């Protein structure tokens, strides 16, 4: 019986030790990863509205809205609204960060990190695609109003859906 029990105990011990070590590594790296993600988000917001001195989160209940923020100047006056919205693409969620000015015009658009197919679906990040949303009013956009990417239709439709969700979120928080 001891010959059969010994390998089981060794494997259980190894698994338990590996679990403890993985947990410890997670505890050590999680704050660093979270801080890096927050820094990247802040850099994205600052790139969307460079004249903003700070950003203030506001609540938003729109489906697909990941974040809604007021972009504020040094005096606390609102310069615009930043919405981060996402929709399901080919490789996962496709998040867009979109800045709207006070009149409801799209100031700028940036794609956030995503898992779309490199070289194909990732082309939604190209200025030739994402740039076509800049200047549009904060109104829903149909497929016939933008150029979708041939061969990456799912990704470009996801970006379009994310933009429309951002418009809906803007209407809620403005």
N, C-alpha and C. Protein backbone atom coordinates (compact mmCIF):
# COMPACT_ATOMS: atom_id res chain seq x y z
N UNK A 1 0.82 -1.20 0.00
CA UNK A 1 0.00 0.00 0.00
C UNK A 1 0.86 1.25 0.00
N UNK A 2 1.98 1.25 0.72
CA UNK A 2 2.84 2.41 0.80
C UNK A 2 3.50 2.71 -0.54
N UNK A 3 3.77 1.69 -1.38
CA UNK A 3 4.34 1.92 -2.70
C UNK A 3 3.36 2.66 -3.60
N UNK A 4 2.07 2.44 -3.42
CA UNK A 4 1.05 3.11 -4.23
C UNK A 4 0.76 4.51 -3.69
N UNK A 5 0.85 4.69 -2.41
CA UNK A 5 0.52 5.96 -1.78
C UNK A 5 1.63 7.00 -1.93
N UNK A 6 2.85 6.56 -1.93
CA UNK A 6 3.99 7.48 -1.99
C UNK A 6 3.98 8.36 -3.24
N UNK A 7 3.82 7.83 -4.49
CA UNK A 7 3.79 8.71 -5.66
C UNK A 7 2.64 9.72 -5.61
N UNK A 8 1.52 9.30 -5.04
CA UNK A 8 0.38 10.21 -4.92
C UNK A 8 0.73 11.36 -3.99
N UNK A 9 1.34 11.06 -2.85
CA UNK A 9 1.73 12.10 -1.90
C UNK A 9 2.77 13.04 -2.50
N UNK A 10 3.72 12.50 -3.26
CA UNK A 10 4.73 13.34 -3.90
C UNK A 10 4.07 14.28 -4.89
N UNK A 11 3.17 13.77 -5.72
CA UNK A 11 2.48 14.62 -6.70
C UNK A 11 1.62 15.68 -6.03
N UNK A 12 0.90 15.33 -4.99
CA UNK A 12 0.07 16.29 -4.25
C UNK A 12 0.95 17.37 -3.64
N UNK A 13 2.09 16.98 -3.07
CA UNK A 13 3.02 17.95 -2.48
C UNK A 13 3.57 18.89 -3.54
N UNK A 14 3.96 18.36 -4.68
CA UNK A 14 4.48 19.19 -5.78
C UNK A 14 3.40 20.16 -6.25
N UNK A 15 2.19 19.68 -6.43
CA UNK A 15 1.09 20.54 -6.89
C UNK A 15 0.79 21.64 -5.87
N UNK A 16 0.77 21.27 -4.59
CA UNK A 16 0.50 22.26 -3.54
C UNK A 16 1.60 23.32 -3.50
N UNK A 17 2.85 22.88 -3.60
CA UNK A 17 3.97 23.82 -3.60
C UNK A 17 3.91 24.74 -4.83
N UNK A 18 3.61 24.18 -5.99
CA UNK A 18 3.49 24.98 -7.21
C UNK A 18 2.36 26.00 -7.07
N UNK A 19 1.25 25.57 -6.48
CA UNK A 19 0.12 26.48 -6.27
C UNK A 19 0.48 27.63 -5.35
N UNK A 20 1.17 27.33 -4.27
CA UNK A 20 1.61 28.37 -3.33
C UNK A 20 2.57 29.35 -4.02
N UNK A 21 3.52 28.81 -4.78
CA UNK A 21 4.48 29.67 -5.49
C UNK A 21 3.78 30.54 -6.53
N UNK A 22 2.85 29.97 -7.28
CA UNK A 22 2.10 30.76 -8.27
C UNK A 22 1.29 31.86 -7.59
N UNK A 23 0.68 31.53 -6.46
CA UNK A 23 -0.07 32.53 -5.70
C UNK A 23 0.83 33.66 -5.22
N UNK A 24 2.03 33.30 -4.75
CA UNK A 24 2.97 34.32 -4.28
C UNK A 24 3.43 35.22 -5.42
N UNK A 25 3.72 34.63 -6.57
CA UNK A 25 4.12 35.43 -7.74
C UNK A 25 2.99 36.36 -8.15
N UNK A 26 1.76 35.85 -8.14
CA UNK A 26 0.61 36.69 -8.48
C UNK A 26 0.48 37.87 -7.51
N UNK A 27 0.64 37.59 -6.20
CA UNK A 27 0.56 38.65 -5.20
C UNK A 27 1.63 39.72 -5.43
N UNK A 28 2.80 39.31 -5.86
CA UNK A 28 3.89 40.25 -6.09
C UNK A 28 3.71 41.05 -7.37
N UNK A 29 3.22 40.41 -8.42
CA UNK A 29 3.15 41.08 -9.73
C UNK A 29 1.83 41.81 -9.98
N UNK A 30 0.76 41.45 -9.30
CA UNK A 30 -0.54 42.06 -9.57
C UNK A 30 -0.53 43.58 -9.39
N UNK A 31 0.04 44.13 -8.31
CA UNK A 31 0.06 45.60 -8.18
C UNK A 31 0.86 46.27 -9.30
N UNK A 32 1.94 45.65 -9.72
CA UNK A 32 2.77 46.21 -10.78
C UNK A 32 2.00 46.22 -12.10
N UNK A 33 1.33 45.12 -12.40
CA UNK A 33 0.55 45.02 -13.64
C UNK A 33 -0.60 46.01 -13.61
N UNK A 34 -1.30 46.11 -12.49
CA UNK A 34 -2.42 47.06 -12.37
C UNK A 34 -1.93 48.49 -12.55
N UNK A 35 -0.81 48.84 -11.95
CA UNK A 35 -0.26 50.20 -12.09
C UNK A 35 0.12 50.48 -13.54
N UNK A 36 0.69 49.51 -14.22
CA UNK A 36 1.07 49.68 -15.62
C UNK A 36 -0.16 49.87 -16.50
N UNK A 37 -1.22 49.11 -16.24
CA UNK A 37 -2.46 49.25 -17.01
C UNK A 37 -3.08 50.63 -16.78
N UNK A 38 -3.08 51.09 -15.53
CA UNK A 38 -3.62 52.41 -15.22
C UNK A 38 -2.79 53.50 -15.88
N UNK A 39 -1.46 53.35 -15.90
CA UNK A 39 -0.60 54.34 -16.54
C UNK A 39 -0.87 54.38 -18.04
N UNK A 40 -1.02 53.20 -18.67
CA UNK A 40 -1.32 53.16 -20.11
C UNK A 40 -2.66 53.81 -20.42
N UNK A 41 -3.66 53.58 -19.55
CA UNK A 41 -4.96 54.21 -19.74
C UNK A 41 -4.85 55.72 -19.63
N UNK A 42 -4.13 56.21 -18.62
CA UNK A 42 -3.95 57.65 -18.46
C UNK A 42 -3.23 58.27 -19.66
N UNK A 43 -2.23 57.56 -20.18
CA UNK A 43 -1.52 58.05 -21.37
C UNK A 43 -2.45 58.11 -22.58
N UNK A 44 -3.32 57.13 -22.70
CA UNK A 44 -4.30 57.13 -23.80
C UNK A 44 -5.25 58.31 -23.66
N UNK A 45 -5.76 58.53 -22.45
CA UNK A 45 -6.67 59.66 -22.22
C UNK A 45 -5.98 60.98 -22.53
N UNK A 46 -4.73 61.11 -22.09
CA UNK A 46 -3.98 62.35 -22.34
C UNK A 46 -3.74 62.55 -23.83
N UNK A 47 -3.55 61.47 -24.58
CA UNK A 47 -3.36 61.59 -26.03
C UNK A 47 -4.66 61.98 -26.72
N UNK A 48 -5.78 61.56 -26.17
CA UNK A 48 -7.08 61.89 -26.77
C UNK A 48 -7.44 63.36 -26.57
N UNK A 49 -7.16 63.89 -25.38
CA UNK A 49 -7.45 65.29 -25.06
C UNK A 49 -6.20 65.88 -24.41
N UNK A 50 -5.22 66.28 -25.24
CA UNK A 50 -3.93 66.73 -24.69
C UNK A 50 -4.02 67.95 -23.78
N UNK A 51 -5.01 68.81 -23.99
CA UNK A 51 -5.11 70.02 -23.16
C UNK A 51 -5.77 69.76 -21.81
N UNK A 52 -6.22 68.54 -21.54
CA UNK A 52 -6.84 68.21 -20.26
C UNK A 52 -5.78 68.10 -19.16
N UNK A 53 -6.11 68.65 -18.00
CA UNK A 53 -5.22 68.57 -16.84
C UNK A 53 -5.54 67.35 -15.98
N UNK A 54 -6.80 66.91 -16.03
CA UNK A 54 -7.20 65.75 -15.23
C UNK A 54 -8.42 65.08 -15.86
N UNK A 55 -8.72 63.90 -15.34
CA UNK A 55 -9.85 63.13 -15.84
C UNK A 55 -10.66 62.64 -14.65
N UNK A 56 -11.97 62.75 -14.77
CA UNK A 56 -12.87 62.39 -13.69
C UNK A 56 -13.84 61.31 -14.19
N UNK A 57 -13.83 60.16 -13.53
CA UNK A 57 -14.74 59.09 -13.95
C UNK A 57 -16.17 59.45 -13.62
N UNK A 58 -17.06 59.07 -14.54
CA UNK A 58 -18.50 59.25 -14.33
C UNK A 58 -19.18 57.91 -14.56
N UNK A 59 -20.28 57.65 -13.87
CA UNK A 59 -20.95 56.36 -14.04
C UNK A 59 -21.62 56.25 -15.42
N UNK A 60 -21.61 55.03 -15.95
CA UNK A 60 -22.24 54.77 -17.24
C UNK A 60 -22.75 53.34 -17.25
N UNK A 61 -24.01 53.17 -17.65
CA UNK A 61 -24.63 51.85 -17.64
C UNK A 61 -24.86 51.27 -19.03
N UNK A 62 -24.28 51.85 -20.04
CA UNK A 62 -24.48 51.39 -21.42
C UNK A 62 -23.71 50.08 -21.62
N UNK A 63 -24.34 49.12 -22.30
CA UNK A 63 -23.69 47.85 -22.59
C UNK A 63 -22.41 48.10 -23.39
N UNK A 64 -21.33 47.48 -22.96
CA UNK A 64 -20.06 47.61 -23.65
C UNK A 64 -19.24 48.81 -23.24
N UNK A 65 -19.78 49.70 -22.42
CA UNK A 65 -19.04 50.87 -21.95
C UNK A 65 -18.13 50.43 -20.80
N UNK A 66 -16.83 50.54 -21.03
CA UNK A 66 -15.84 50.13 -20.03
C UNK A 66 -15.52 51.28 -19.09
N UNK A 67 -15.49 52.51 -19.62
CA UNK A 67 -15.17 53.68 -18.81
C UNK A 67 -15.77 54.92 -19.46
N UNK A 68 -16.15 55.86 -18.62
CA UNK A 68 -16.62 57.17 -19.07
C UNK A 68 -15.95 58.20 -18.17
N UNK A 69 -15.33 59.20 -18.80
CA UNK A 69 -14.59 60.20 -18.04
C UNK A 69 -14.85 61.60 -18.58
N UNK A 70 -14.88 62.55 -17.68
CA UNK A 70 -14.88 63.95 -18.08
C UNK A 70 -13.42 64.39 -18.17
N UNK A 71 -13.06 65.02 -19.27
CA UNK A 71 -11.73 65.61 -19.43
C UNK A 71 -11.82 67.04 -18.93
N UNK A 72 -11.03 67.37 -17.90
CA UNK A 72 -11.12 68.67 -17.25
C UNK A 72 -9.86 69.49 -17.47
N UNK A 73 -10.04 70.82 -17.59
CA UNK A 73 -8.87 71.69 -17.67
C UNK A 73 -8.37 71.97 -16.25
N UNK A 74 -7.36 72.82 -16.11
CA UNK A 74 -6.76 73.09 -14.81
C UNK A 74 -7.74 73.76 -13.85
N UNK A 75 -8.75 74.45 -14.37
CA UNK A 75 -9.74 75.11 -13.52
C UNK A 75 -10.91 74.20 -13.17
N UNK A 76 -10.92 72.99 -13.72
CA UNK A 76 -12.01 72.06 -13.44
C UNK A 76 -13.15 72.15 -14.43
N UNK A 77 -12.98 72.93 -15.49
CA UNK A 77 -14.01 73.04 -16.52
C UNK A 77 -13.91 71.85 -17.48
N UNK A 78 -15.05 71.34 -17.87
CA UNK A 78 -15.06 70.19 -18.76
C UNK A 78 -14.73 70.60 -20.19
N UNK A 79 -13.74 69.88 -20.75
CA UNK A 79 -13.34 70.10 -22.13
C UNK A 79 -14.03 69.13 -23.08
N UNK A 80 -14.41 67.99 -22.54
CA UNK A 80 -15.04 66.97 -23.35
C UNK A 80 -15.26 65.72 -22.53
N UNK A 81 -15.68 64.66 -23.23
CA UNK A 81 -15.97 63.39 -22.58
C UNK A 81 -15.19 62.30 -23.31
N UNK A 82 -14.59 61.43 -22.53
CA UNK A 82 -13.90 60.27 -23.10
C UNK A 82 -14.70 59.03 -22.74
N UNK A 83 -14.98 58.23 -23.75
CA UNK A 83 -15.70 56.98 -23.55
C UNK A 83 -14.81 55.84 -24.05
N UNK A 84 -14.68 54.81 -23.25
CA UNK A 84 -14.02 53.58 -23.69
C UNK A 84 -15.13 52.54 -23.81
N UNK A 85 -15.36 52.09 -25.04
CA UNK A 85 -16.41 51.12 -25.30
C UNK A 85 -15.81 49.96 -26.09
N UNK A 86 -16.44 48.80 -25.99
CA UNK A 86 -15.92 47.64 -26.70
C UNK A 86 -17.06 46.80 -27.26
N UNK A 87 -16.69 45.99 -28.25
CA UNK A 87 -17.62 45.04 -28.86
C UNK A 87 -16.83 43.80 -29.25
N UNK A 88 -17.52 42.69 -29.40
CA UNK A 88 -16.88 41.41 -29.70
C UNK A 88 -16.39 41.40 -31.14
N UNK A 89 -15.08 41.15 -31.29
CA UNK A 89 -14.46 41.02 -32.60
C UNK A 89 -14.12 39.58 -32.88
N UNK A 90 -13.20 39.36 -33.80
CA UNK A 90 -12.82 38.01 -34.18
C UNK A 90 -12.01 37.32 -33.09
N UNK A 91 -11.06 38.06 -32.48
CA UNK A 91 -10.18 37.47 -31.48
C UNK A 91 -10.55 37.80 -30.05
N UNK A 92 -11.64 38.50 -29.85
CA UNK A 92 -12.05 38.91 -28.51
C UNK A 92 -12.64 40.29 -28.56
N UNK A 93 -12.62 40.96 -27.43
CA UNK A 93 -13.18 42.30 -27.36
C UNK A 93 -12.30 43.31 -28.10
N UNK A 94 -12.95 44.25 -28.79
CA UNK A 94 -12.27 45.32 -29.50
C UNK A 94 -12.64 46.62 -28.80
N UNK A 95 -11.76 47.13 -27.92
CA UNK A 95 -12.06 48.38 -27.22
C UNK A 95 -11.53 49.60 -27.98
N UNK A 96 -12.35 50.64 -27.98
CA UNK A 96 -11.96 51.93 -28.55
C UNK A 96 -12.08 52.99 -27.46
N UNK A 97 -11.15 53.92 -27.44
CA UNK A 97 -11.24 55.09 -26.57
C UNK A 97 -11.55 56.27 -27.48
N UNK A 98 -12.66 56.96 -27.19
CA UNK A 98 -13.15 58.02 -28.07
C UNK A 98 -13.38 59.27 -27.25
N UNK A 99 -12.87 60.40 -27.76
CA UNK A 99 -13.08 61.69 -27.12
C UNK A 99 -14.10 62.48 -27.92
N UNK A 100 -15.10 63.00 -27.22
CA UNK A 100 -16.12 63.86 -27.81
C UNK A 100 -15.98 65.25 -27.20
N UNK A 101 -16.13 66.28 -28.02
CA UNK A 101 -16.08 67.63 -27.47
C UNK A 101 -17.47 68.01 -26.93
N UNK A 102 -17.57 69.19 -26.40
CA UNK A 102 -18.82 69.62 -25.77
C UNK A 102 -19.97 69.77 -26.77
N UNK A 103 -19.66 69.97 -28.04
CA UNK A 103 -20.72 70.10 -29.05
C UNK A 103 -21.15 68.74 -29.61
N UNK A 104 -20.48 67.67 -29.18
CA UNK A 104 -20.86 66.35 -29.63
C UNK A 104 -20.13 65.87 -30.87
N UNK A 105 -19.02 66.47 -31.17
CA UNK A 105 -18.22 66.04 -32.31
C UNK A 105 -17.09 65.13 -31.81
N UNK A 106 -16.74 64.15 -32.62
CA UNK A 106 -15.67 63.22 -32.25
C UNK A 106 -14.33 63.91 -32.44
N UNK A 107 -13.61 64.11 -31.34
CA UNK A 107 -12.30 64.77 -31.37
C UNK A 107 -11.20 63.82 -31.85
N UNK A 108 -11.16 62.63 -31.23
CA UNK A 108 -10.11 61.67 -31.56
C UNK A 108 -10.55 60.27 -31.14
N UNK A 109 -9.91 59.29 -31.77
CA UNK A 109 -10.23 57.88 -31.51
C UNK A 109 -8.92 57.10 -31.45
N UNK A 110 -8.80 56.22 -30.46
CA UNK A 110 -7.64 55.34 -30.35
C UNK A 110 -8.14 53.93 -30.07
N UNK A 111 -7.49 52.97 -30.70
CA UNK A 111 -7.79 51.58 -30.35
C UNK A 111 -6.98 51.22 -29.11
N UNK A 112 -7.59 50.42 -28.28
CA UNK A 112 -6.93 49.94 -27.07
C UNK A 112 -6.36 48.55 -27.39
N UNK A 113 -5.49 48.02 -26.54
CA UNK A 113 -4.94 46.68 -26.79
C UNK A 113 -6.06 45.64 -26.99
N UNK A 114 -5.87 44.79 -28.00
CA UNK A 114 -6.87 43.77 -28.30
C UNK A 114 -6.17 42.53 -28.86
N UNK A 115 -6.94 41.50 -29.11
CA UNK A 115 -6.40 40.22 -29.57
C UNK A 115 -6.79 39.92 -31.01
N UNK A 116 -7.04 40.95 -31.80
CA UNK A 116 -7.40 40.71 -33.20
C UNK A 116 -6.20 40.16 -33.97
N UNK A 117 -6.47 39.48 -35.05
CA UNK A 117 -5.44 38.80 -35.82
C UNK A 117 -4.38 39.79 -36.30
N UNK A 118 -3.11 39.57 -35.94
CA UNK A 118 -2.04 40.46 -36.39
C UNK A 118 -1.98 40.51 -37.92
N UNK A 119 -1.83 41.71 -38.46
CA UNK A 119 -1.70 41.87 -39.90
C UNK A 119 -3.01 41.93 -40.64
N UNK A 120 -4.10 41.54 -40.00
CA UNK A 120 -5.38 41.58 -40.68
C UNK A 120 -6.38 42.35 -39.82
N UNK A 121 -6.89 41.72 -38.78
CA UNK A 121 -7.83 42.40 -37.89
C UNK A 121 -7.19 43.55 -37.14
N UNK A 122 -5.89 43.47 -36.93
CA UNK A 122 -5.20 44.56 -36.23
C UNK A 122 -5.14 45.83 -37.07
N UNK A 123 -5.53 45.74 -38.34
CA UNK A 123 -5.53 46.92 -39.21
C UNK A 123 -6.57 47.96 -38.77
N UNK A 124 -7.46 47.58 -37.85
CA UNK A 124 -8.41 48.57 -37.34
C UNK A 124 -7.70 49.70 -36.60
N UNK A 125 -6.45 49.46 -36.18
CA UNK A 125 -5.67 50.49 -35.50
C UNK A 125 -5.02 51.48 -36.45
N UNK A 126 -4.99 51.15 -37.74
CA UNK A 126 -4.38 52.04 -38.73
C UNK A 126 -5.18 53.34 -38.84
N UNK A 127 -4.48 54.44 -39.02
CA UNK A 127 -5.15 55.73 -39.18
C UNK A 127 -6.11 55.74 -40.35
N UNK A 128 -5.80 54.97 -41.39
CA UNK A 128 -6.68 54.94 -42.55
C UNK A 128 -8.06 54.37 -42.21
N UNK A 129 -8.14 53.51 -41.20
CA UNK A 129 -9.44 53.00 -40.78
C UNK A 129 -10.00 53.83 -39.63
N UNK A 130 -9.30 53.89 -38.53
CA UNK A 130 -9.84 54.50 -37.32
C UNK A 130 -10.00 56.01 -37.48
N UNK A 131 -9.20 56.61 -38.36
CA UNK A 131 -9.27 58.05 -38.59
C UNK A 131 -10.57 58.51 -39.22
N UNK A 132 -11.30 57.60 -39.86
CA UNK A 132 -12.54 58.00 -40.51
C UNK A 132 -13.65 58.35 -39.50
N UNK A 133 -13.46 58.00 -38.25
CA UNK A 133 -14.46 58.33 -37.22
C UNK A 133 -14.25 59.74 -36.66
N UNK A 134 -13.05 60.27 -36.79
CA UNK A 134 -12.74 61.60 -36.25
C UNK A 134 -13.56 62.65 -37.01
N UNK A 135 -14.19 63.53 -36.26
CA UNK A 135 -14.99 64.58 -36.85
C UNK A 135 -16.46 64.23 -37.00
N UNK A 136 -16.79 62.96 -36.84
CA UNK A 136 -18.20 62.57 -36.96
C UNK A 136 -18.99 63.10 -35.76
N UNK A 137 -20.25 63.43 -35.97
CA UNK A 137 -21.08 63.84 -34.83
C UNK A 137 -21.38 62.64 -33.94
N UNK A 138 -21.75 62.91 -32.71
CA UNK A 138 -22.07 61.85 -31.76
C UNK A 138 -23.45 61.29 -32.09
N UNK A 139 -23.51 60.59 -33.21
CA UNK A 139 -24.73 59.94 -33.68
C UNK A 139 -24.36 58.55 -34.16
N UNK A 140 -25.29 57.60 -34.04
CA UNK A 140 -24.99 56.24 -34.52
C UNK A 140 -24.58 56.24 -35.99
N UNK A 141 -23.62 55.40 -36.33
CA UNK A 141 -23.08 55.31 -37.68
C UNK A 141 -23.44 53.93 -38.24
N UNK A 142 -23.89 53.89 -39.48
CA UNK A 142 -24.20 52.62 -40.13
C UNK A 142 -23.03 52.10 -40.93
N UNK A 143 -23.11 50.83 -41.32
CA UNK A 143 -22.03 50.20 -42.10
C UNK A 143 -21.81 50.90 -43.43
N UNK A 144 -22.84 51.54 -43.96
CA UNK A 144 -22.71 52.21 -45.25
C UNK A 144 -22.03 53.57 -45.13
N UNK A 145 -21.81 54.04 -43.89
CA UNK A 145 -21.20 55.35 -43.68
C UNK A 145 -19.69 55.31 -43.47
N UNK A 146 -19.15 54.11 -43.25
CA UNK A 146 -17.71 53.96 -43.05
C UNK A 146 -17.19 52.85 -43.96
N UNK A 147 -15.90 52.90 -44.25
CA UNK A 147 -15.28 51.86 -45.05
C UNK A 147 -14.81 50.74 -44.13
N UNK A 148 -15.38 49.55 -44.32
CA UNK A 148 -14.94 48.39 -43.55
C UNK A 148 -13.70 47.80 -44.21
N UNK A 149 -12.93 47.05 -43.46
CA UNK A 149 -11.69 46.49 -43.97
C UNK A 149 -11.97 45.14 -44.61
N UNK A 150 -11.67 45.02 -45.88
CA UNK A 150 -11.86 43.75 -46.57
C UNK A 150 -10.95 42.69 -45.96
N UNK A 151 -11.52 41.55 -45.63
CA UNK A 151 -10.75 40.47 -45.01
C UNK A 151 -10.74 40.57 -43.49
N UNK A 152 -11.17 41.70 -42.97
CA UNK A 152 -11.24 41.88 -41.52
C UNK A 152 -12.59 42.49 -41.16
N UNK A 153 -13.61 41.97 -41.81
CA UNK A 153 -14.95 42.52 -41.63
C UNK A 153 -15.43 42.39 -40.20
N UNK A 154 -15.17 41.26 -39.55
CA UNK A 154 -15.62 41.07 -38.17
C UNK A 154 -14.96 42.09 -37.25
N UNK A 155 -13.67 42.31 -37.42
CA UNK A 155 -12.95 43.28 -36.58
C UNK A 155 -13.43 44.70 -36.83
N UNK A 156 -13.61 45.06 -38.10
CA UNK A 156 -14.02 46.44 -38.39
C UNK A 156 -15.48 46.67 -38.00
N UNK A 157 -16.33 45.64 -38.09
CA UNK A 157 -17.71 45.77 -37.60
C UNK A 157 -17.72 45.90 -36.08
N UNK A 158 -16.81 45.21 -35.40
CA UNK A 158 -16.72 45.33 -33.95
C UNK A 158 -16.30 46.75 -33.56
N UNK A 159 -15.37 47.33 -34.30
CA UNK A 159 -14.97 48.71 -34.04
C UNK A 159 -16.14 49.66 -34.27
N UNK A 160 -16.90 49.42 -35.31
CA UNK A 160 -18.08 50.24 -35.60
C UNK A 160 -19.10 50.12 -34.47
N UNK A 161 -19.33 48.90 -34.00
CA UNK A 161 -20.27 48.68 -32.88
C UNK A 161 -19.76 49.37 -31.62
N UNK A 162 -18.45 49.28 -31.36
CA UNK A 162 -17.87 49.95 -30.19
C UNK A 162 -18.06 51.46 -30.30
N UNK A 163 -17.88 52.01 -31.51
CA UNK A 163 -18.08 53.45 -31.70
C UNK A 163 -19.53 53.81 -31.40
N UNK A 164 -20.48 53.03 -31.91
CA UNK A 164 -21.89 53.32 -31.67
C UNK A 164 -22.26 53.18 -30.20
N UNK A 165 -21.64 52.24 -29.50
CA UNK A 165 -21.87 52.12 -28.06
C UNK A 165 -21.30 53.33 -27.33
N UNK A 166 -20.17 53.84 -27.81
CA UNK A 166 -19.58 55.04 -27.22
C UNK A 166 -20.50 56.24 -27.42
N UNK A 167 -21.11 56.33 -28.59
CA UNK A 167 -22.06 57.42 -28.86
C UNK A 167 -23.23 57.33 -27.88
N UNK A 168 -23.75 56.12 -27.69
CA UNK A 168 -24.85 55.92 -26.74
C UNK A 168 -24.43 56.30 -25.33
N UNK A 169 -23.22 55.92 -24.94
CA UNK A 169 -22.70 56.27 -23.61
C UNK A 169 -22.52 57.78 -23.48
N UNK A 170 -22.03 58.42 -24.54
CA UNK A 170 -21.87 59.89 -24.52
C UNK A 170 -23.21 60.56 -24.27
N UNK A 171 -24.23 60.09 -24.94
CA UNK A 171 -25.58 60.67 -24.76
C UNK A 171 -26.03 60.51 -23.31
N UNK A 172 -25.65 59.40 -22.68
CA UNK A 172 -26.05 59.18 -21.29
C UNK A 172 -25.32 60.08 -20.31
N UNK A 173 -24.04 60.33 -20.54
CA UNK A 173 -23.24 61.05 -19.54
C UNK A 173 -23.06 62.54 -19.82
N UNK A 174 -23.43 63.00 -20.98
CA UNK A 174 -23.18 64.42 -21.27
C UNK A 174 -24.08 65.28 -20.50
